[in-house]
Amino acid sequence: KLDLEVGDGEFLVLVGPSGCGKSTTLRMLAGLEDVDNGSIYIDE
């Protein structure tokens, strides 16, 4: 249930220990992992 907003032109870093979900989050945004619940938007 990730709620997160990245601003226009922002450099946002996802950090955490191994297995925390940071790479999965990036791959969900890239379309390389399915999103089981919720949604992702680029602009609107």
ModelCIF file with pLDDT and N, C-alpha, C, O atoms, coordinates in Angstrom:
data_MODEL
#
_entry.id   MODEL 
#
_entity.id                         1 
_entity.type                       polymer 
_entity.pdbx_number_of_molecules   1 
#
_entity_poly.entity_id                      1 
_entity_poly.type                           'polypeptide(L)' 
_entity_poly.nstd_linkage                   no 
_entity_poly.nstd_monomer                   no 
_entity_poly.pdbx_seq_one_letter_code       KLDLEVGDGEFLVLVGPSGCGKSTTLRMLAGLEDVDNGSIYIDE 
_entity_poly.pdbx_seq_one_letter_code_can   KLDLEVGDGEFLVLVGPSGCGKSTTLRMLAGLEDVDNGSIYIDE 
_entity_poly.pdbx_strand_id                 A 
#
loop_
_entity_poly_seq.entity_id 
_entity_poly_seq.num 
_entity_poly_seq.mon_id 
_entity_poly_seq.hetero 
1 1  LYS n 
1 2  LEU n 
1 3  ASP n 
1 4  LEU n 
1 5  GLU n 
1 6  VAL n 
1 7  GLY n 
1 8  ASP n 
1 9  GLY n 
1 10 GLU n 
1 11 PHE n 
1 12 LEU n 
1 13 VAL n 
1 14 LEU n 
1 15 VAL n 
1 16 GLY n 
1 17 PRO n 
1 18 SER n 
1 19 GLY n 
1 20 CYS n 
1 21 GLY n 
1 22 LYS n 
1 23 SER n 
1 24 THR n 
1 25 THR n 
1 26 LEU n 
1 27 ARG n 
1 28 MET n 
1 29 LEU n 
1 30 ALA n 
1 31 GLY n 
1 32 LEU n 
1 33 GLU n 
1 34 ASP n 
1 35 VAL n 
1 36 ASP n 
1 37 ASN n 
1 38 GLY n 
1 39 SER n 
1 40 ILE n 
1 41 TYR n 
1 42 ILE n 
1 43 ASP n 
1 44 GLU n 
#
_struct_asym.id          A 
_struct_asym.entity_id   1 
#
loop_
_ma_qa_metric.id 
_ma_qa_metric.mode 
_ma_qa_metric.name 
_ma_qa_metric.software_group_id 
_ma_qa_metric.type 
1 global pLDDT . pLDDT 
2 local  pLDDT . pLDDT 
#
_ma_qa_metric_global.metric_id      1 
_ma_qa_metric_global.metric_value   95.66 
_ma_qa_metric_global.model_id       1 
_ma_qa_metric_global.ordinal_id     1 
#
loop_
_ma_qa_metric_local.label_asym_id 
_ma_qa_metric_local.label_comp_id 
_ma_qa_metric_local.label_seq_id 
_ma_qa_metric_local.metric_id 
_ma_qa_metric_local.metric_value 
_ma_qa_metric_local.model_id 
_ma_qa_metric_local.ordinal_id 
A LYS 1  2 96.00 1 1  
A LEU 2  2 97.00 1 2  
A ASP 3  2 97.00 1 3  
A LEU 4  2 97.00 1 4  
A GLU 5  2 97.00 1 5  
A VAL 6  2 97.00 1 6  
A GLY 7  2 97.00 1 7  
A ASP 8  2 96.00 1 8  
A GLY 9  2 95.00 1 9  
A GLU 10 2 97.00 1 10 
A PHE 11 2 97.00 1 11 
A LEU 12 2 97.00 1 12 
A VAL 13 2 97.00 1 13 
A LEU 14 2 97.00 1 14 
A VAL 15 2 96.00 1 15 
A GLY 16 2 94.00 1 16 
A PRO 17 2 93.00 1 17 
A SER 18 2 91.00 1 18 
A GLY 19 2 92.00 1 19 
A CYS 20 2 95.00 1 20 
A GLY 21 2 95.00 1 21 
A LYS 22 2 95.00 1 22 
A SER 23 2 95.00 1 23 
A THR 24 2 96.00 1 24 
A THR 25 2 97.00 1 25 
A LEU 26 2 96.00 1 26 
A ARG 27 2 96.00 1 27 
A MET 28 2 97.00 1 28 
A LEU 29 2 97.00 1 29 
A ALA 30 2 96.00 1 30 
A GLY 31 2 96.00 1 31 
A LEU 32 2 95.00 1 32 
A GLU 33 2 95.00 1 33 
A ASP 34 2 95.00 1 34 
A VAL 35 2 96.00 1 35 
A ASP 36 2 96.00 1 36 
A ASN 37 2 96.00 1 37 
A GLY 38 2 97.00 1 38 
A SER 39 2 97.00 1 39 
A ILE 40 2 98.00 1 40 
A TYR 41 2 97.00 1 41 
A ILE 42 2 96.00 1 42 
A ASP 43 2 92.00 1 43 
A GLU 44 2 88.00 1 44 
#
loop_
_atom_site.group_PDB 
_atom_site.id 
_atom_site.type_symbol 
_atom_site.label_atom_id 
_atom_site.label_alt_id 
_atom_site.label_comp_id 
_atom_site.label_asym_id 
_atom_site.label_entity_id 
_atom_site.label_seq_id 
_atom_site.pdbx_PDB_ins_code 
_atom_site.Cartn_x 
_atom_site.Cartn_y 
_atom_site.Cartn_z 
_atom_site.occupancy 
_atom_site.B_iso_or_equiv 
_atom_site.pdbx_formal_charge 
_atom_site.auth_seq_id 
_atom_site.auth_comp_id 
_atom_site.auth_asym_id 
_atom_site.auth_atom_id 
_atom_site.pdbx_PDB_model_num 
ATOM 1   N N  . LYS A 1 1  ? 0.819  -1.218 0.000   1.00 96.00 ? 1  LYS A N  1 
ATOM 2   C CA . LYS A 1 1  ? 0.000  0.000  0.000   1.00 96.00 ? 1  LYS A CA 1 
ATOM 3   C C  . LYS A 1 1  ? 0.852  1.267  0.000   1.00 96.00 ? 1  LYS A C  1 
ATOM 4   O O  . LYS A 1 1  ? 0.719  2.125  0.873   1.00 96.00 ? 1  LYS A O  1 
ATOM 5   N N  . LEU A 1 2  ? 1.721  1.363  -0.990  1.00 97.00 ? 2  LEU A N  1 
ATOM 6   C CA . LEU A 1 2  ? 2.643  2.490  -1.067  1.00 97.00 ? 2  LEU A CA 1 
ATOM 7   C C  . LEU A 1 2  ? 1.935  3.748  -1.558  1.00 97.00 ? 2  LEU A C  1 
ATOM 8   O O  . LEU A 1 2  ? 1.374  3.762  -2.654  1.00 97.00 ? 2  LEU A O  1 
ATOM 9   N N  . ASP A 1 3  ? 1.962  4.796  -0.752  1.00 97.00 ? 3  ASP A N  1 
ATOM 10  C CA . ASP A 1 3  ? 1.487  6.130  -1.131  1.00 97.00 ? 3  ASP A CA 1 
ATOM 11  C C  . ASP A 1 3  ? 2.705  7.039  -1.214  1.00 97.00 ? 3  ASP A C  1 
ATOM 12  O O  . ASP A 1 3  ? 3.357  7.315  -0.206  1.00 97.00 ? 3  ASP A O  1 
ATOM 13  N N  . LEU A 1 4  ? 3.007  7.503  -2.427  1.00 97.00 ? 4  LEU A N  1 
ATOM 14  C CA . LEU A 1 4  ? 4.222  8.289  -2.612  1.00 97.00 ? 4  LEU A CA 1 
ATOM 15  C C  . LEU A 1 4  ? 4.058  9.184  -3.835  1.00 97.00 ? 4  LEU A C  1 
ATOM 16  O O  . LEU A 1 4  ? 3.561  8.745  -4.872  1.00 97.00 ? 4  LEU A O  1 
ATOM 17  N N  . GLU A 1 5  ? 4.477  10.438 -3.710  1.00 97.00 ? 5  GLU A N  1 
ATOM 18  C CA . GLU A 1 5  ? 4.429  11.366 -4.833  1.00 97.00 ? 5  GLU A CA 1 
ATOM 19  C C  . GLU A 1 5  ? 5.830  11.899 -5.112  1.00 97.00 ? 5  GLU A C  1 
ATOM 20  O O  . GLU A 1 5  ? 6.553  12.292 -4.197  1.00 97.00 ? 5  GLU A O  1 
ATOM 21  N N  . VAL A 1 6  ? 6.196  11.906 -6.384  1.00 97.00 ? 6  VAL A N  1 
ATOM 22  C CA . VAL A 1 6  ? 7.476  12.444 -6.832  1.00 97.00 ? 6  VAL A CA 1 
ATOM 23  C C  . VAL A 1 6  ? 7.171  13.691 -7.647  1.00 97.00 ? 6  VAL A C  1 
ATOM 24  O O  . VAL A 1 6  ? 6.409  13.635 -8.611  1.00 97.00 ? 6  VAL A O  1 
ATOM 25  N N  . GLY A 1 7  ? 7.762  14.810 -7.264  1.00 97.00 ? 7  GLY A N  1 
ATOM 26  C CA . GLY A 1 7  ? 7.462  16.070 -7.917  1.00 97.00 ? 7  GLY A CA 1 
ATOM 27  C C  . GLY A 1 7  ? 8.078  16.182 -9.304  1.00 97.00 ? 7  GLY A C  1 
ATOM 28  O O  . GLY A 1 7  ? 8.983  15.430 -9.663  1.00 97.00 ? 7  GLY A O  1 
ATOM 29  N N  . ASP A 1 8  ? 7.573  17.128 -10.067 1.00 96.00 ? 8  ASP A N  1 
ATOM 30  C CA . ASP A 1 8  ? 8.077  17.397 -11.413 1.00 96.00 ? 8  ASP A CA 1 
ATOM 31  C C  . ASP A 1 8  ? 9.530  17.853 -11.333 1.00 96.00 ? 8  ASP A C  1 
ATOM 32  O O  . ASP A 1 8  ? 9.828  18.869 -10.705 1.00 96.00 ? 8  ASP A O  1 
ATOM 33  N N  . GLY A 1 9  ? 10.432 17.110 -11.965 1.00 95.00 ? 9  GLY A N  1 
ATOM 34  C CA . GLY A 1 9  ? 11.850 17.452 -11.955 1.00 95.00 ? 9  GLY A CA 1 
ATOM 35  C C  . GLY A 1 9  ? 12.589 17.044 -10.700 1.00 95.00 ? 9  GLY A C  1 
ATOM 36  O O  . GLY A 1 9  ? 13.757 17.396 -10.535 1.00 95.00 ? 9  GLY A O  1 
ATOM 37  N N  . GLU A 1 10 ? 11.941 16.312 -9.811  1.00 97.00 ? 10 GLU A N  1 
ATOM 38  C CA . GLU A 1 10 ? 12.562 15.929 -8.541  1.00 97.00 ? 10 GLU A CA 1 
ATOM 39  C C  . GLU A 1 10 ? 13.483 14.722 -8.707  1.00 97.00 ? 10 GLU A C  1 
ATOM 40  O O  . GLU A 1 10 ? 13.253 13.864 -9.559  1.00 97.00 ? 10 GLU A O  1 
ATOM 41  N N  . PHE A 1 11 ? 14.512 14.669 -7.892  1.00 97.00 ? 11 PHE A N  1 
ATOM 42  C CA . PHE A 1 11 ? 15.403 13.511 -7.783  1.00 97.00 ? 11 PHE A CA 1 
ATOM 43  C C  . PHE A 1 11 ? 15.048 12.823 -6.463  1.00 97.00 ? 11 PHE A C  1 
ATOM 44  O O  . PHE A 1 11 ? 15.448 13.276 -5.390  1.00 97.00 ? 11 PHE A O  1 
ATOM 45  N N  . LEU A 1 12 ? 14.293 11.722 -6.554  1.00 97.00 ? 12 LEU A N  1 
ATOM 46  C CA . LEU A 1 12 ? 13.872 10.986 -5.361  1.00 97.00 ? 12 LEU A CA 1 
ATOM 47  C C  . LEU A 1 12 ? 14.662 9.698  -5.267  1.00 97.00 ? 12 LEU A C  1 
ATOM 48  O O  . LEU A 1 12 ? 14.774 8.963  -6.248  1.00 97.00 ? 12 LEU A O  1 
ATOM 49  N N  . VAL A 1 13 ? 15.213 9.417  -4.095  1.00 97.00 ? 13 VAL A N  1 
ATOM 50  C CA . VAL A 1 13 ? 15.983 8.200  -3.874  1.00 97.00 ? 13 VAL A CA 1 
ATOM 51  C C  . VAL A 1 13 ? 15.191 7.250  -2.984  1.00 97.00 ? 13 VAL A C  1 
ATOM 52  O O  . VAL A 1 13 ? 14.703 7.644  -1.925  1.00 97.00 ? 13 VAL A O  1 
ATOM 53  N N  . LEU A 1 14 ? 15.066 5.991  -3.421  1.00 97.00 ? 14 LEU A N  1 
ATOM 54  C CA . LEU A 1 14 ? 14.482 4.930  -2.602  1.00 97.00 ? 14 LEU A CA 1 
ATOM 55  C C  . LEU A 1 14 ? 15.623 4.168  -1.947  1.00 97.00 ? 14 LEU A C  1 
ATOM 56  O O  . LEU A 1 14 ? 16.525 3.680  -2.630  1.00 97.00 ? 14 LEU A O  1 
ATOM 57  N N  . VAL A 1 15 ? 15.584 4.066  -0.629  1.00 96.00 ? 15 VAL A N  1 
ATOM 58  C CA . VAL A 1 15 ? 16.690 3.432  0.088   1.00 96.00 ? 15 VAL A CA 1 
ATOM 59  C C  . VAL A 1 15 ? 16.141 2.514  1.165   1.00 96.00 ? 15 VAL A C  1 
ATOM 60  O O  . VAL A 1 15 ? 15.033 2.710  1.663   1.00 96.00 ? 15 VAL A O  1 
ATOM 61  N N  . GLY A 1 16 ? 16.931 1.513  1.516   1.00 94.00 ? 16 GLY A N  1 
ATOM 62  C CA . GLY A 1 16 ? 16.540 0.573  2.550   1.00 94.00 ? 16 GLY A CA 1 
ATOM 63  C C  . GLY A 1 16 ? 17.399 -0.668 2.455   1.00 94.00 ? 16 GLY A C  1 
ATOM 64  O O  . GLY A 1 16 ? 18.159 -0.811 1.498   1.00 94.00 ? 16 GLY A O  1 
ATOM 65  N N  . PRO A 1 17 ? 17.303 -1.573 3.421   1.00 93.00 ? 17 PRO A N  1 
ATOM 66  C CA . PRO A 1 17 ? 18.103 -2.795 3.397   1.00 93.00 ? 17 PRO A CA 1 
ATOM 67  C C  . PRO A 1 17 ? 17.644 -3.740 2.299   1.00 93.00 ? 17 PRO A C  1 
ATOM 68  O O  . PRO A 1 17 ? 16.584 -3.543 1.705   1.00 93.00 ? 17 PRO A O  1 
ATOM 69  N N  . SER A 1 18 ? 18.440 -4.762 2.030   1.00 91.00 ? 18 SER A N  1 
ATOM 70  C CA . SER A 1 18 ? 18.076 -5.753 1.013   1.00 91.00 ? 18 SER A CA 1 
ATOM 71  C C  . SER A 1 18 ? 16.731 -6.372 1.348   1.00 91.00 ? 18 SER A C  1 
ATOM 72  O O  . SER A 1 18 ? 16.466 -6.721 2.498   1.00 91.00 ? 18 SER A O  1 
ATOM 73  N N  . GLY A 1 19 ? 15.873 -6.507 0.323   1.00 92.00 ? 19 GLY A N  1 
ATOM 74  C CA . GLY A 1 19 ? 14.559 -7.111 0.525   1.00 92.00 ? 19 GLY A CA 1 
ATOM 75  C C  . GLY A 1 19 ? 13.496 -6.176 1.036   1.00 92.00 ? 19 GLY A C  1 
ATOM 76  O O  . GLY A 1 19 ? 12.412 -6.626 1.408   1.00 92.00 ? 19 GLY A O  1 
ATOM 77  N N  . CYS A 1 20 ? 13.776 -4.859 1.068   1.00 95.00 ? 20 CYS A N  1 
ATOM 78  C CA . CYS A 1 20 ? 12.798 -3.918 1.635   1.00 95.00 ? 20 CYS A CA 1 
ATOM 79  C C  . CYS A 1 20 ? 11.714 -3.529 0.635   1.00 95.00 ? 20 CYS A C  1 
ATOM 80  O O  . CYS A 1 20 ? 10.691 -2.967 1.026   1.00 95.00 ? 20 CYS A O  1 
ATOM 81  N N  . GLY A 1 21 ? 11.922 -3.821 -0.663  1.00 95.00 ? 21 GLY A N  1 
ATOM 82  C CA . GLY A 1 21 ? 10.911 -3.507 -1.661  1.00 95.00 ? 21 GLY A CA 1 
ATOM 83  C C  . GLY A 1 21 ? 11.253 -2.347 -2.570  1.00 95.00 ? 21 GLY A C  1 
ATOM 84  O O  . GLY A 1 21 ? 10.429 -1.952 -3.395  1.00 95.00 ? 21 GLY A O  1 
ATOM 85  N N  . LYS A 1 22 ? 12.452 -1.786 -2.441  1.00 95.00 ? 22 LYS A N  1 
ATOM 86  C CA . LYS A 1 22 ? 12.795 -0.598 -3.244  1.00 95.00 ? 22 LYS A CA 1 
ATOM 87  C C  . LYS A 1 22 ? 12.919 -0.920 -4.733  1.00 95.00 ? 22 LYS A C  1 
ATOM 88  O O  . LYS A 1 22 ? 12.407 -0.175 -5.568  1.00 95.00 ? 22 LYS A O  1 
ATOM 89  N N  . SER A 1 23 ? 13.598 -2.028 -5.076  1.00 95.00 ? 23 SER A N  1 
ATOM 90  C CA . SER A 1 23 ? 13.727 -2.387 -6.495  1.00 95.00 ? 23 SER A CA 1 
ATOM 91  C C  . SER A 1 23 ? 12.384 -2.829 -7.072  1.00 95.00 ? 23 SER A C  1 
ATOM 92  O O  . SER A 1 23 ? 12.089 -2.560 -8.236  1.00 95.00 ? 23 SER A O  1 
ATOM 93  N N  . THR A 1 24 ? 11.570 -3.506 -6.262  1.00 96.00 ? 24 THR A N  1 
ATOM 94  C CA . THR A 1 24 ? 10.230 -3.893 -6.712  1.00 96.00 ? 24 THR A CA 1 
ATOM 95  C C  . THR A 1 24 ? 9.399  -2.651 -7.017  1.00 96.00 ? 24 THR A C  1 
ATOM 96  O O  . THR A 1 24 ? 8.668  -2.620 -8.007  1.00 96.00 ? 24 THR A O  1 
ATOM 97  N N  . THR A 1 25 ? 9.508  -1.624 -6.170  1.00 97.00 ? 25 THR A N  1 
ATOM 98  C CA . THR A 1 25 ? 8.800  -0.367 -6.404  1.00 97.00 ? 25 THR A CA 1 
ATOM 99  C C  . THR A 1 25 ? 9.201  0.241  -7.741  1.00 97.00 ? 25 THR A C  1 
ATOM 100 O O  . THR A 1 25 ? 8.349  0.684  -8.510  1.00 97.00 ? 25 THR A O  1 
ATOM 101 N N  . LEU A 1 26 ? 10.500 0.260  -8.012  1.00 96.00 ? 26 LEU A N  1 
ATOM 102 C CA . LEU A 1 26 ? 10.983 0.823  -9.271  1.00 96.00 ? 26 LEU A CA 1 
ATOM 103 C C  . LEU A 1 26 ? 10.489 0.009  -10.460 1.00 96.00 ? 26 LEU A C  1 
ATOM 104 O O  . LEU A 1 26 ? 10.091 0.568  -11.482 1.00 96.00 ? 26 LEU A O  1 
ATOM 105 N N  . ARG A 1 27 ? 10.515 -1.313 -10.324 1.00 96.00 ? 27 ARG A N  1 
ATOM 106 C CA . ARG A 1 27 ? 10.087 -2.182 -11.417 1.00 96.00 ? 27 ARG A CA 1 
ATOM 107 C C  . ARG A 1 27 ? 8.570  -2.089 -11.650 1.00 96.00 ? 27 ARG A C  1 
ATOM 108 O O  . ARG A 1 27 ? 8.108  -2.247 -12.780 1.00 96.00 ? 27 ARG A O  1 
ATOM 109 N N  . MET A 1 28 ? 7.803  -1.834 -10.598 1.00 97.00 ? 28 MET A N  1 
ATOM 110 C CA . MET A 1 28 ? 6.367  -1.581 -10.768 1.00 97.00 ? 28 MET A CA 1 
ATOM 111 C C  . MET A 1 28 ? 6.143  -0.318 -11.590 1.00 97.00 ? 28 MET A C  1 
ATOM 112 O O  . MET A 1 28 ? 5.283  -0.282 -12.471 1.00 97.00 ? 28 MET A O  1 
ATOM 113 N N  . LEU A 1 29 ? 6.920  0.711  -11.295 1.00 97.00 ? 29 LEU A N  1 
ATOM 114 C CA . LEU A 1 29 ? 6.809  1.958  -12.051 1.00 97.00 ? 29 LEU A CA 1 
ATOM 115 C C  . LEU A 1 29 ? 7.242  1.760  -13.504 1.00 97.00 ? 29 LEU A C  1 
ATOM 116 O O  . LEU A 1 29 ? 6.691  2.381  -14.413 1.00 97.00 ? 29 LEU A O  1 
ATOM 117 N N  . ALA A 1 30 ? 8.233  0.892  -13.716 1.00 96.00 ? 30 ALA A N  1 
ATOM 118 C CA . ALA A 1 30 ? 8.730  0.643  -15.073 1.00 96.00 ? 30 ALA A CA 1 
ATOM 119 C C  . ALA A 1 30 ? 7.808  -0.264 -15.878 1.00 96.00 ? 30 ALA A C  1 
ATOM 120 O O  . ALA A 1 30 ? 7.915  -0.331 -17.102 1.00 96.00 ? 30 ALA A O  1 
ATOM 121 N N  . GLY A 1 31 ? 6.899  -0.966 -15.193 1.00 96.00 ? 31 GLY A N  1 
ATOM 122 C CA . GLY A 1 31 ? 6.035  -1.920 -15.885 1.00 96.00 ? 31 GLY A CA 1 
ATOM 123 C C  . GLY A 1 31 ? 6.634  -3.308 -15.974 1.00 96.00 ? 31 GLY A C  1 
ATOM 124 O O  . GLY A 1 31 ? 6.134  -4.158 -16.711 1.00 96.00 ? 31 GLY A O  1 
ATOM 125 N N  . LEU A 1 32 ? 7.715  -3.548 -15.220 1.00 95.00 ? 32 LEU A N  1 
ATOM 126 C CA . LEU A 1 32 ? 8.374  -4.862 -15.222 1.00 95.00 ? 32 LEU A CA 1 
ATOM 127 C C  . LEU A 1 32 ? 7.829  -5.784 -14.136 1.00 95.00 ? 32 LEU A C  1 
ATOM 128 O O  . LEU A 1 32 ? 8.122  -6.979 -14.125 1.00 95.00 ? 32 LEU A O  1 
ATOM 129 N N  . GLU A 1 33 ? 7.038  -5.225 -13.226 1.00 95.00 ? 33 GLU A N  1 
ATOM 130 C CA . GLU A 1 33 ? 6.347  -6.015 -12.193 1.00 95.00 ? 33 GLU A CA 1 
ATOM 131 C C  . GLU A 1 33 ? 4.876  -5.639 -12.204 1.00 95.00 ? 33 GLU A C  1 
ATOM 132 O O  . GLU A 1 33 ? 4.524  -4.479 -12.423 1.00 95.00 ? 33 GLU A O  1 
ATOM 133 N N  . ASP A 1 34 ? 4.018  -6.623 -11.967 1.00 95.00 ? 34 ASP A N  1 
ATOM 134 C CA . ASP A 1 34 ? 2.585  -6.352 -11.888 1.00 95.00 ? 34 ASP A CA 1 
ATOM 135 C C  . ASP A 1 34 ? 2.261  -5.552 -10.632 1.00 95.00 ? 34 ASP A C  1 
ATOM 136 O O  . ASP A 1 34 ? 2.959  -5.646 -9.623  1.00 95.00 ? 34 ASP A O  1 
ATOM 137 N N  . VAL A 1 35 ? 1.196  -4.766 -10.709 1.00 96.00 ? 35 VAL A N  1 
ATOM 138 C CA . VAL A 1 35 ? 0.646  -4.072 -9.543  1.00 96.00 ? 35 VAL A CA 1 
ATOM 139 C C  . VAL A 1 35 ? -0.617 -4.824 -9.148  1.00 96.00 ? 35 VAL A C  1 
ATOM 140 O O  . VAL A 1 35 ? -1.600 -4.815 -9.888  1.00 96.00 ? 35 VAL A O  1 
ATOM 141 N N  . ASP A 1 36 ? -0.598 -5.478 -7.982  1.00 96.00 ? 36 ASP A N  1 
ATOM 142 C CA . ASP A 1 36 ? -1.725 -6.314 -7.573  1.00 96.00 ? 36 ASP A CA 1 
ATOM 143 C C  . ASP A 1 36 ? -2.886 -5.493 -7.025  1.00 96.00 ? 36 ASP A C  1 
ATOM 144 O O  . ASP A 1 36 ? -4.052 -5.834 -7.223  1.00 96.00 ? 36 ASP A O  1 
ATOM 145 N N  . ASN A 1 37 ? -2.556 -4.422 -6.344  1.00 96.00 ? 37 ASN A N  1 
ATOM 146 C CA . ASN A 1 37 ? -3.591 -3.514 -5.831  1.00 96.00 ? 37 ASN A CA 1 
ATOM 147 C C  . ASN A 1 37 ? -3.082 -2.084 -5.954  1.00 96.00 ? 37 ASN A C  1 
ATOM 148 O O  . ASN A 1 37 ? -1.876 -1.840 -5.990  1.00 96.00 ? 37 ASN A O  1 
ATOM 149 N N  . GLY A 1 38 ? -4.029 -1.136 -6.018  1.00 97.00 ? 38 GLY A N  1 
ATOM 150 C CA . GLY A 1 38 ? -3.646 0.262  -6.114  1.00 97.00 ? 38 GLY A CA 1 
ATOM 151 C C  . GLY A 1 38 ? -3.343 0.670  -7.542  1.00 97.00 ? 38 GLY A C  1 
ATOM 152 O O  . GLY A 1 38 ? -3.668 -0.047 -8.488  1.00 97.00 ? 38 GLY A O  1 
ATOM 153 N N  . SER A 1 39 ? -2.707 1.847  -7.692  1.00 97.00 ? 39 SER A N  1 
ATOM 154 C CA . SER A 1 39 ? -2.477 2.394  -9.027  1.00 97.00 ? 39 SER A CA 1 
ATOM 155 C C  . SER A 1 39 ? -1.225 3.253  -9.042  1.00 97.00 ? 39 SER A C  1 
ATOM 156 O O  . SER A 1 39 ? -0.733 3.700  -8.006  1.00 97.00 ? 39 SER A O  1 
ATOM 157 N N  . ILE A 1 40 ? -0.720 3.472  -10.272 1.00 98.00 ? 40 ILE A N  1 
ATOM 158 C CA . ILE A 1 40 ? 0.451  4.313  -10.500 1.00 98.00 ? 40 ILE A CA 1 
ATOM 159 C C  . ILE A 1 40 ? 0.130  5.289  -11.619 1.00 98.00 ? 40 ILE A C  1 
ATOM 160 O O  . ILE A 1 40 ? -0.459 4.918  -12.634 1.00 98.00 ? 40 ILE A O  1 
ATOM 161 N N  . TYR A 1 41 ? 0.528  6.553  -11.421 1.00 97.00 ? 41 TYR A N  1 
ATOM 162 C CA . TYR A 1 41 ? 0.281  7.596  -12.409 1.00 97.00 ? 41 TYR A CA 1 
ATOM 163 C C  . TYR A 1 41 ? 1.591  8.283  -12.785 1.00 97.00 ? 41 TYR A C  1 
ATOM 164 O O  . TYR A 1 41 ? 2.442  8.524  -11.929 1.00 97.00 ? 41 TYR A O  1 
ATOM 165 N N  . ILE A 1 42 ? 1.746  8.593  -14.059 1.00 96.00 ? 42 ILE A N  1 
ATOM 166 C CA . ILE A 1 42 ? 2.795  9.496  -14.526 1.00 96.00 ? 42 ILE A CA 1 
ATOM 167 C C  . ILE A 1 42 ? 2.068  10.714 -15.068 1.00 96.00 ? 42 ILE A C  1 
ATOM 168 O O  . ILE A 1 42 ? 1.286  10.619 -16.014 1.00 96.00 ? 42 ILE A O  1 
ATOM 169 N N  . ASP A 1 43 ? 2.340  11.873 -14.447 1.00 92.00 ? 43 ASP A N  1 
ATOM 170 C CA . ASP A 1 43 ? 1.471  13.039 -14.589 1.00 92.00 ? 43 ASP A CA 1 
ATOM 171 C C  . ASP A 1 43 ? 0.064  12.595 -14.161 1.00 92.00 ? 43 ASP A C  1 
ATOM 172 O O  . ASP A 1 43 ? -0.075 11.956 -13.118 1.00 92.00 ? 43 ASP A O  1 
ATOM 173 N N  . GLU A 1 44 ? -0.933 12.899 -14.901 1.00 88.00 ? 44 GLU A N  1 
ATOM 174 C CA . GLU A 1 44 ? -2.287 12.478 -14.516 1.00 88.00 ? 44 GLU A CA 1 
ATOM 175 C C  . GLU A 1 44 ? -2.732 11.250 -15.294 1.00 88.00 ? 44 GLU A C  1 
ATOM 176 O O  . GLU A 1 44 ? -3.844 10.762 -15.096 1.00 88.00 ? 44 GLU A O  1 
#
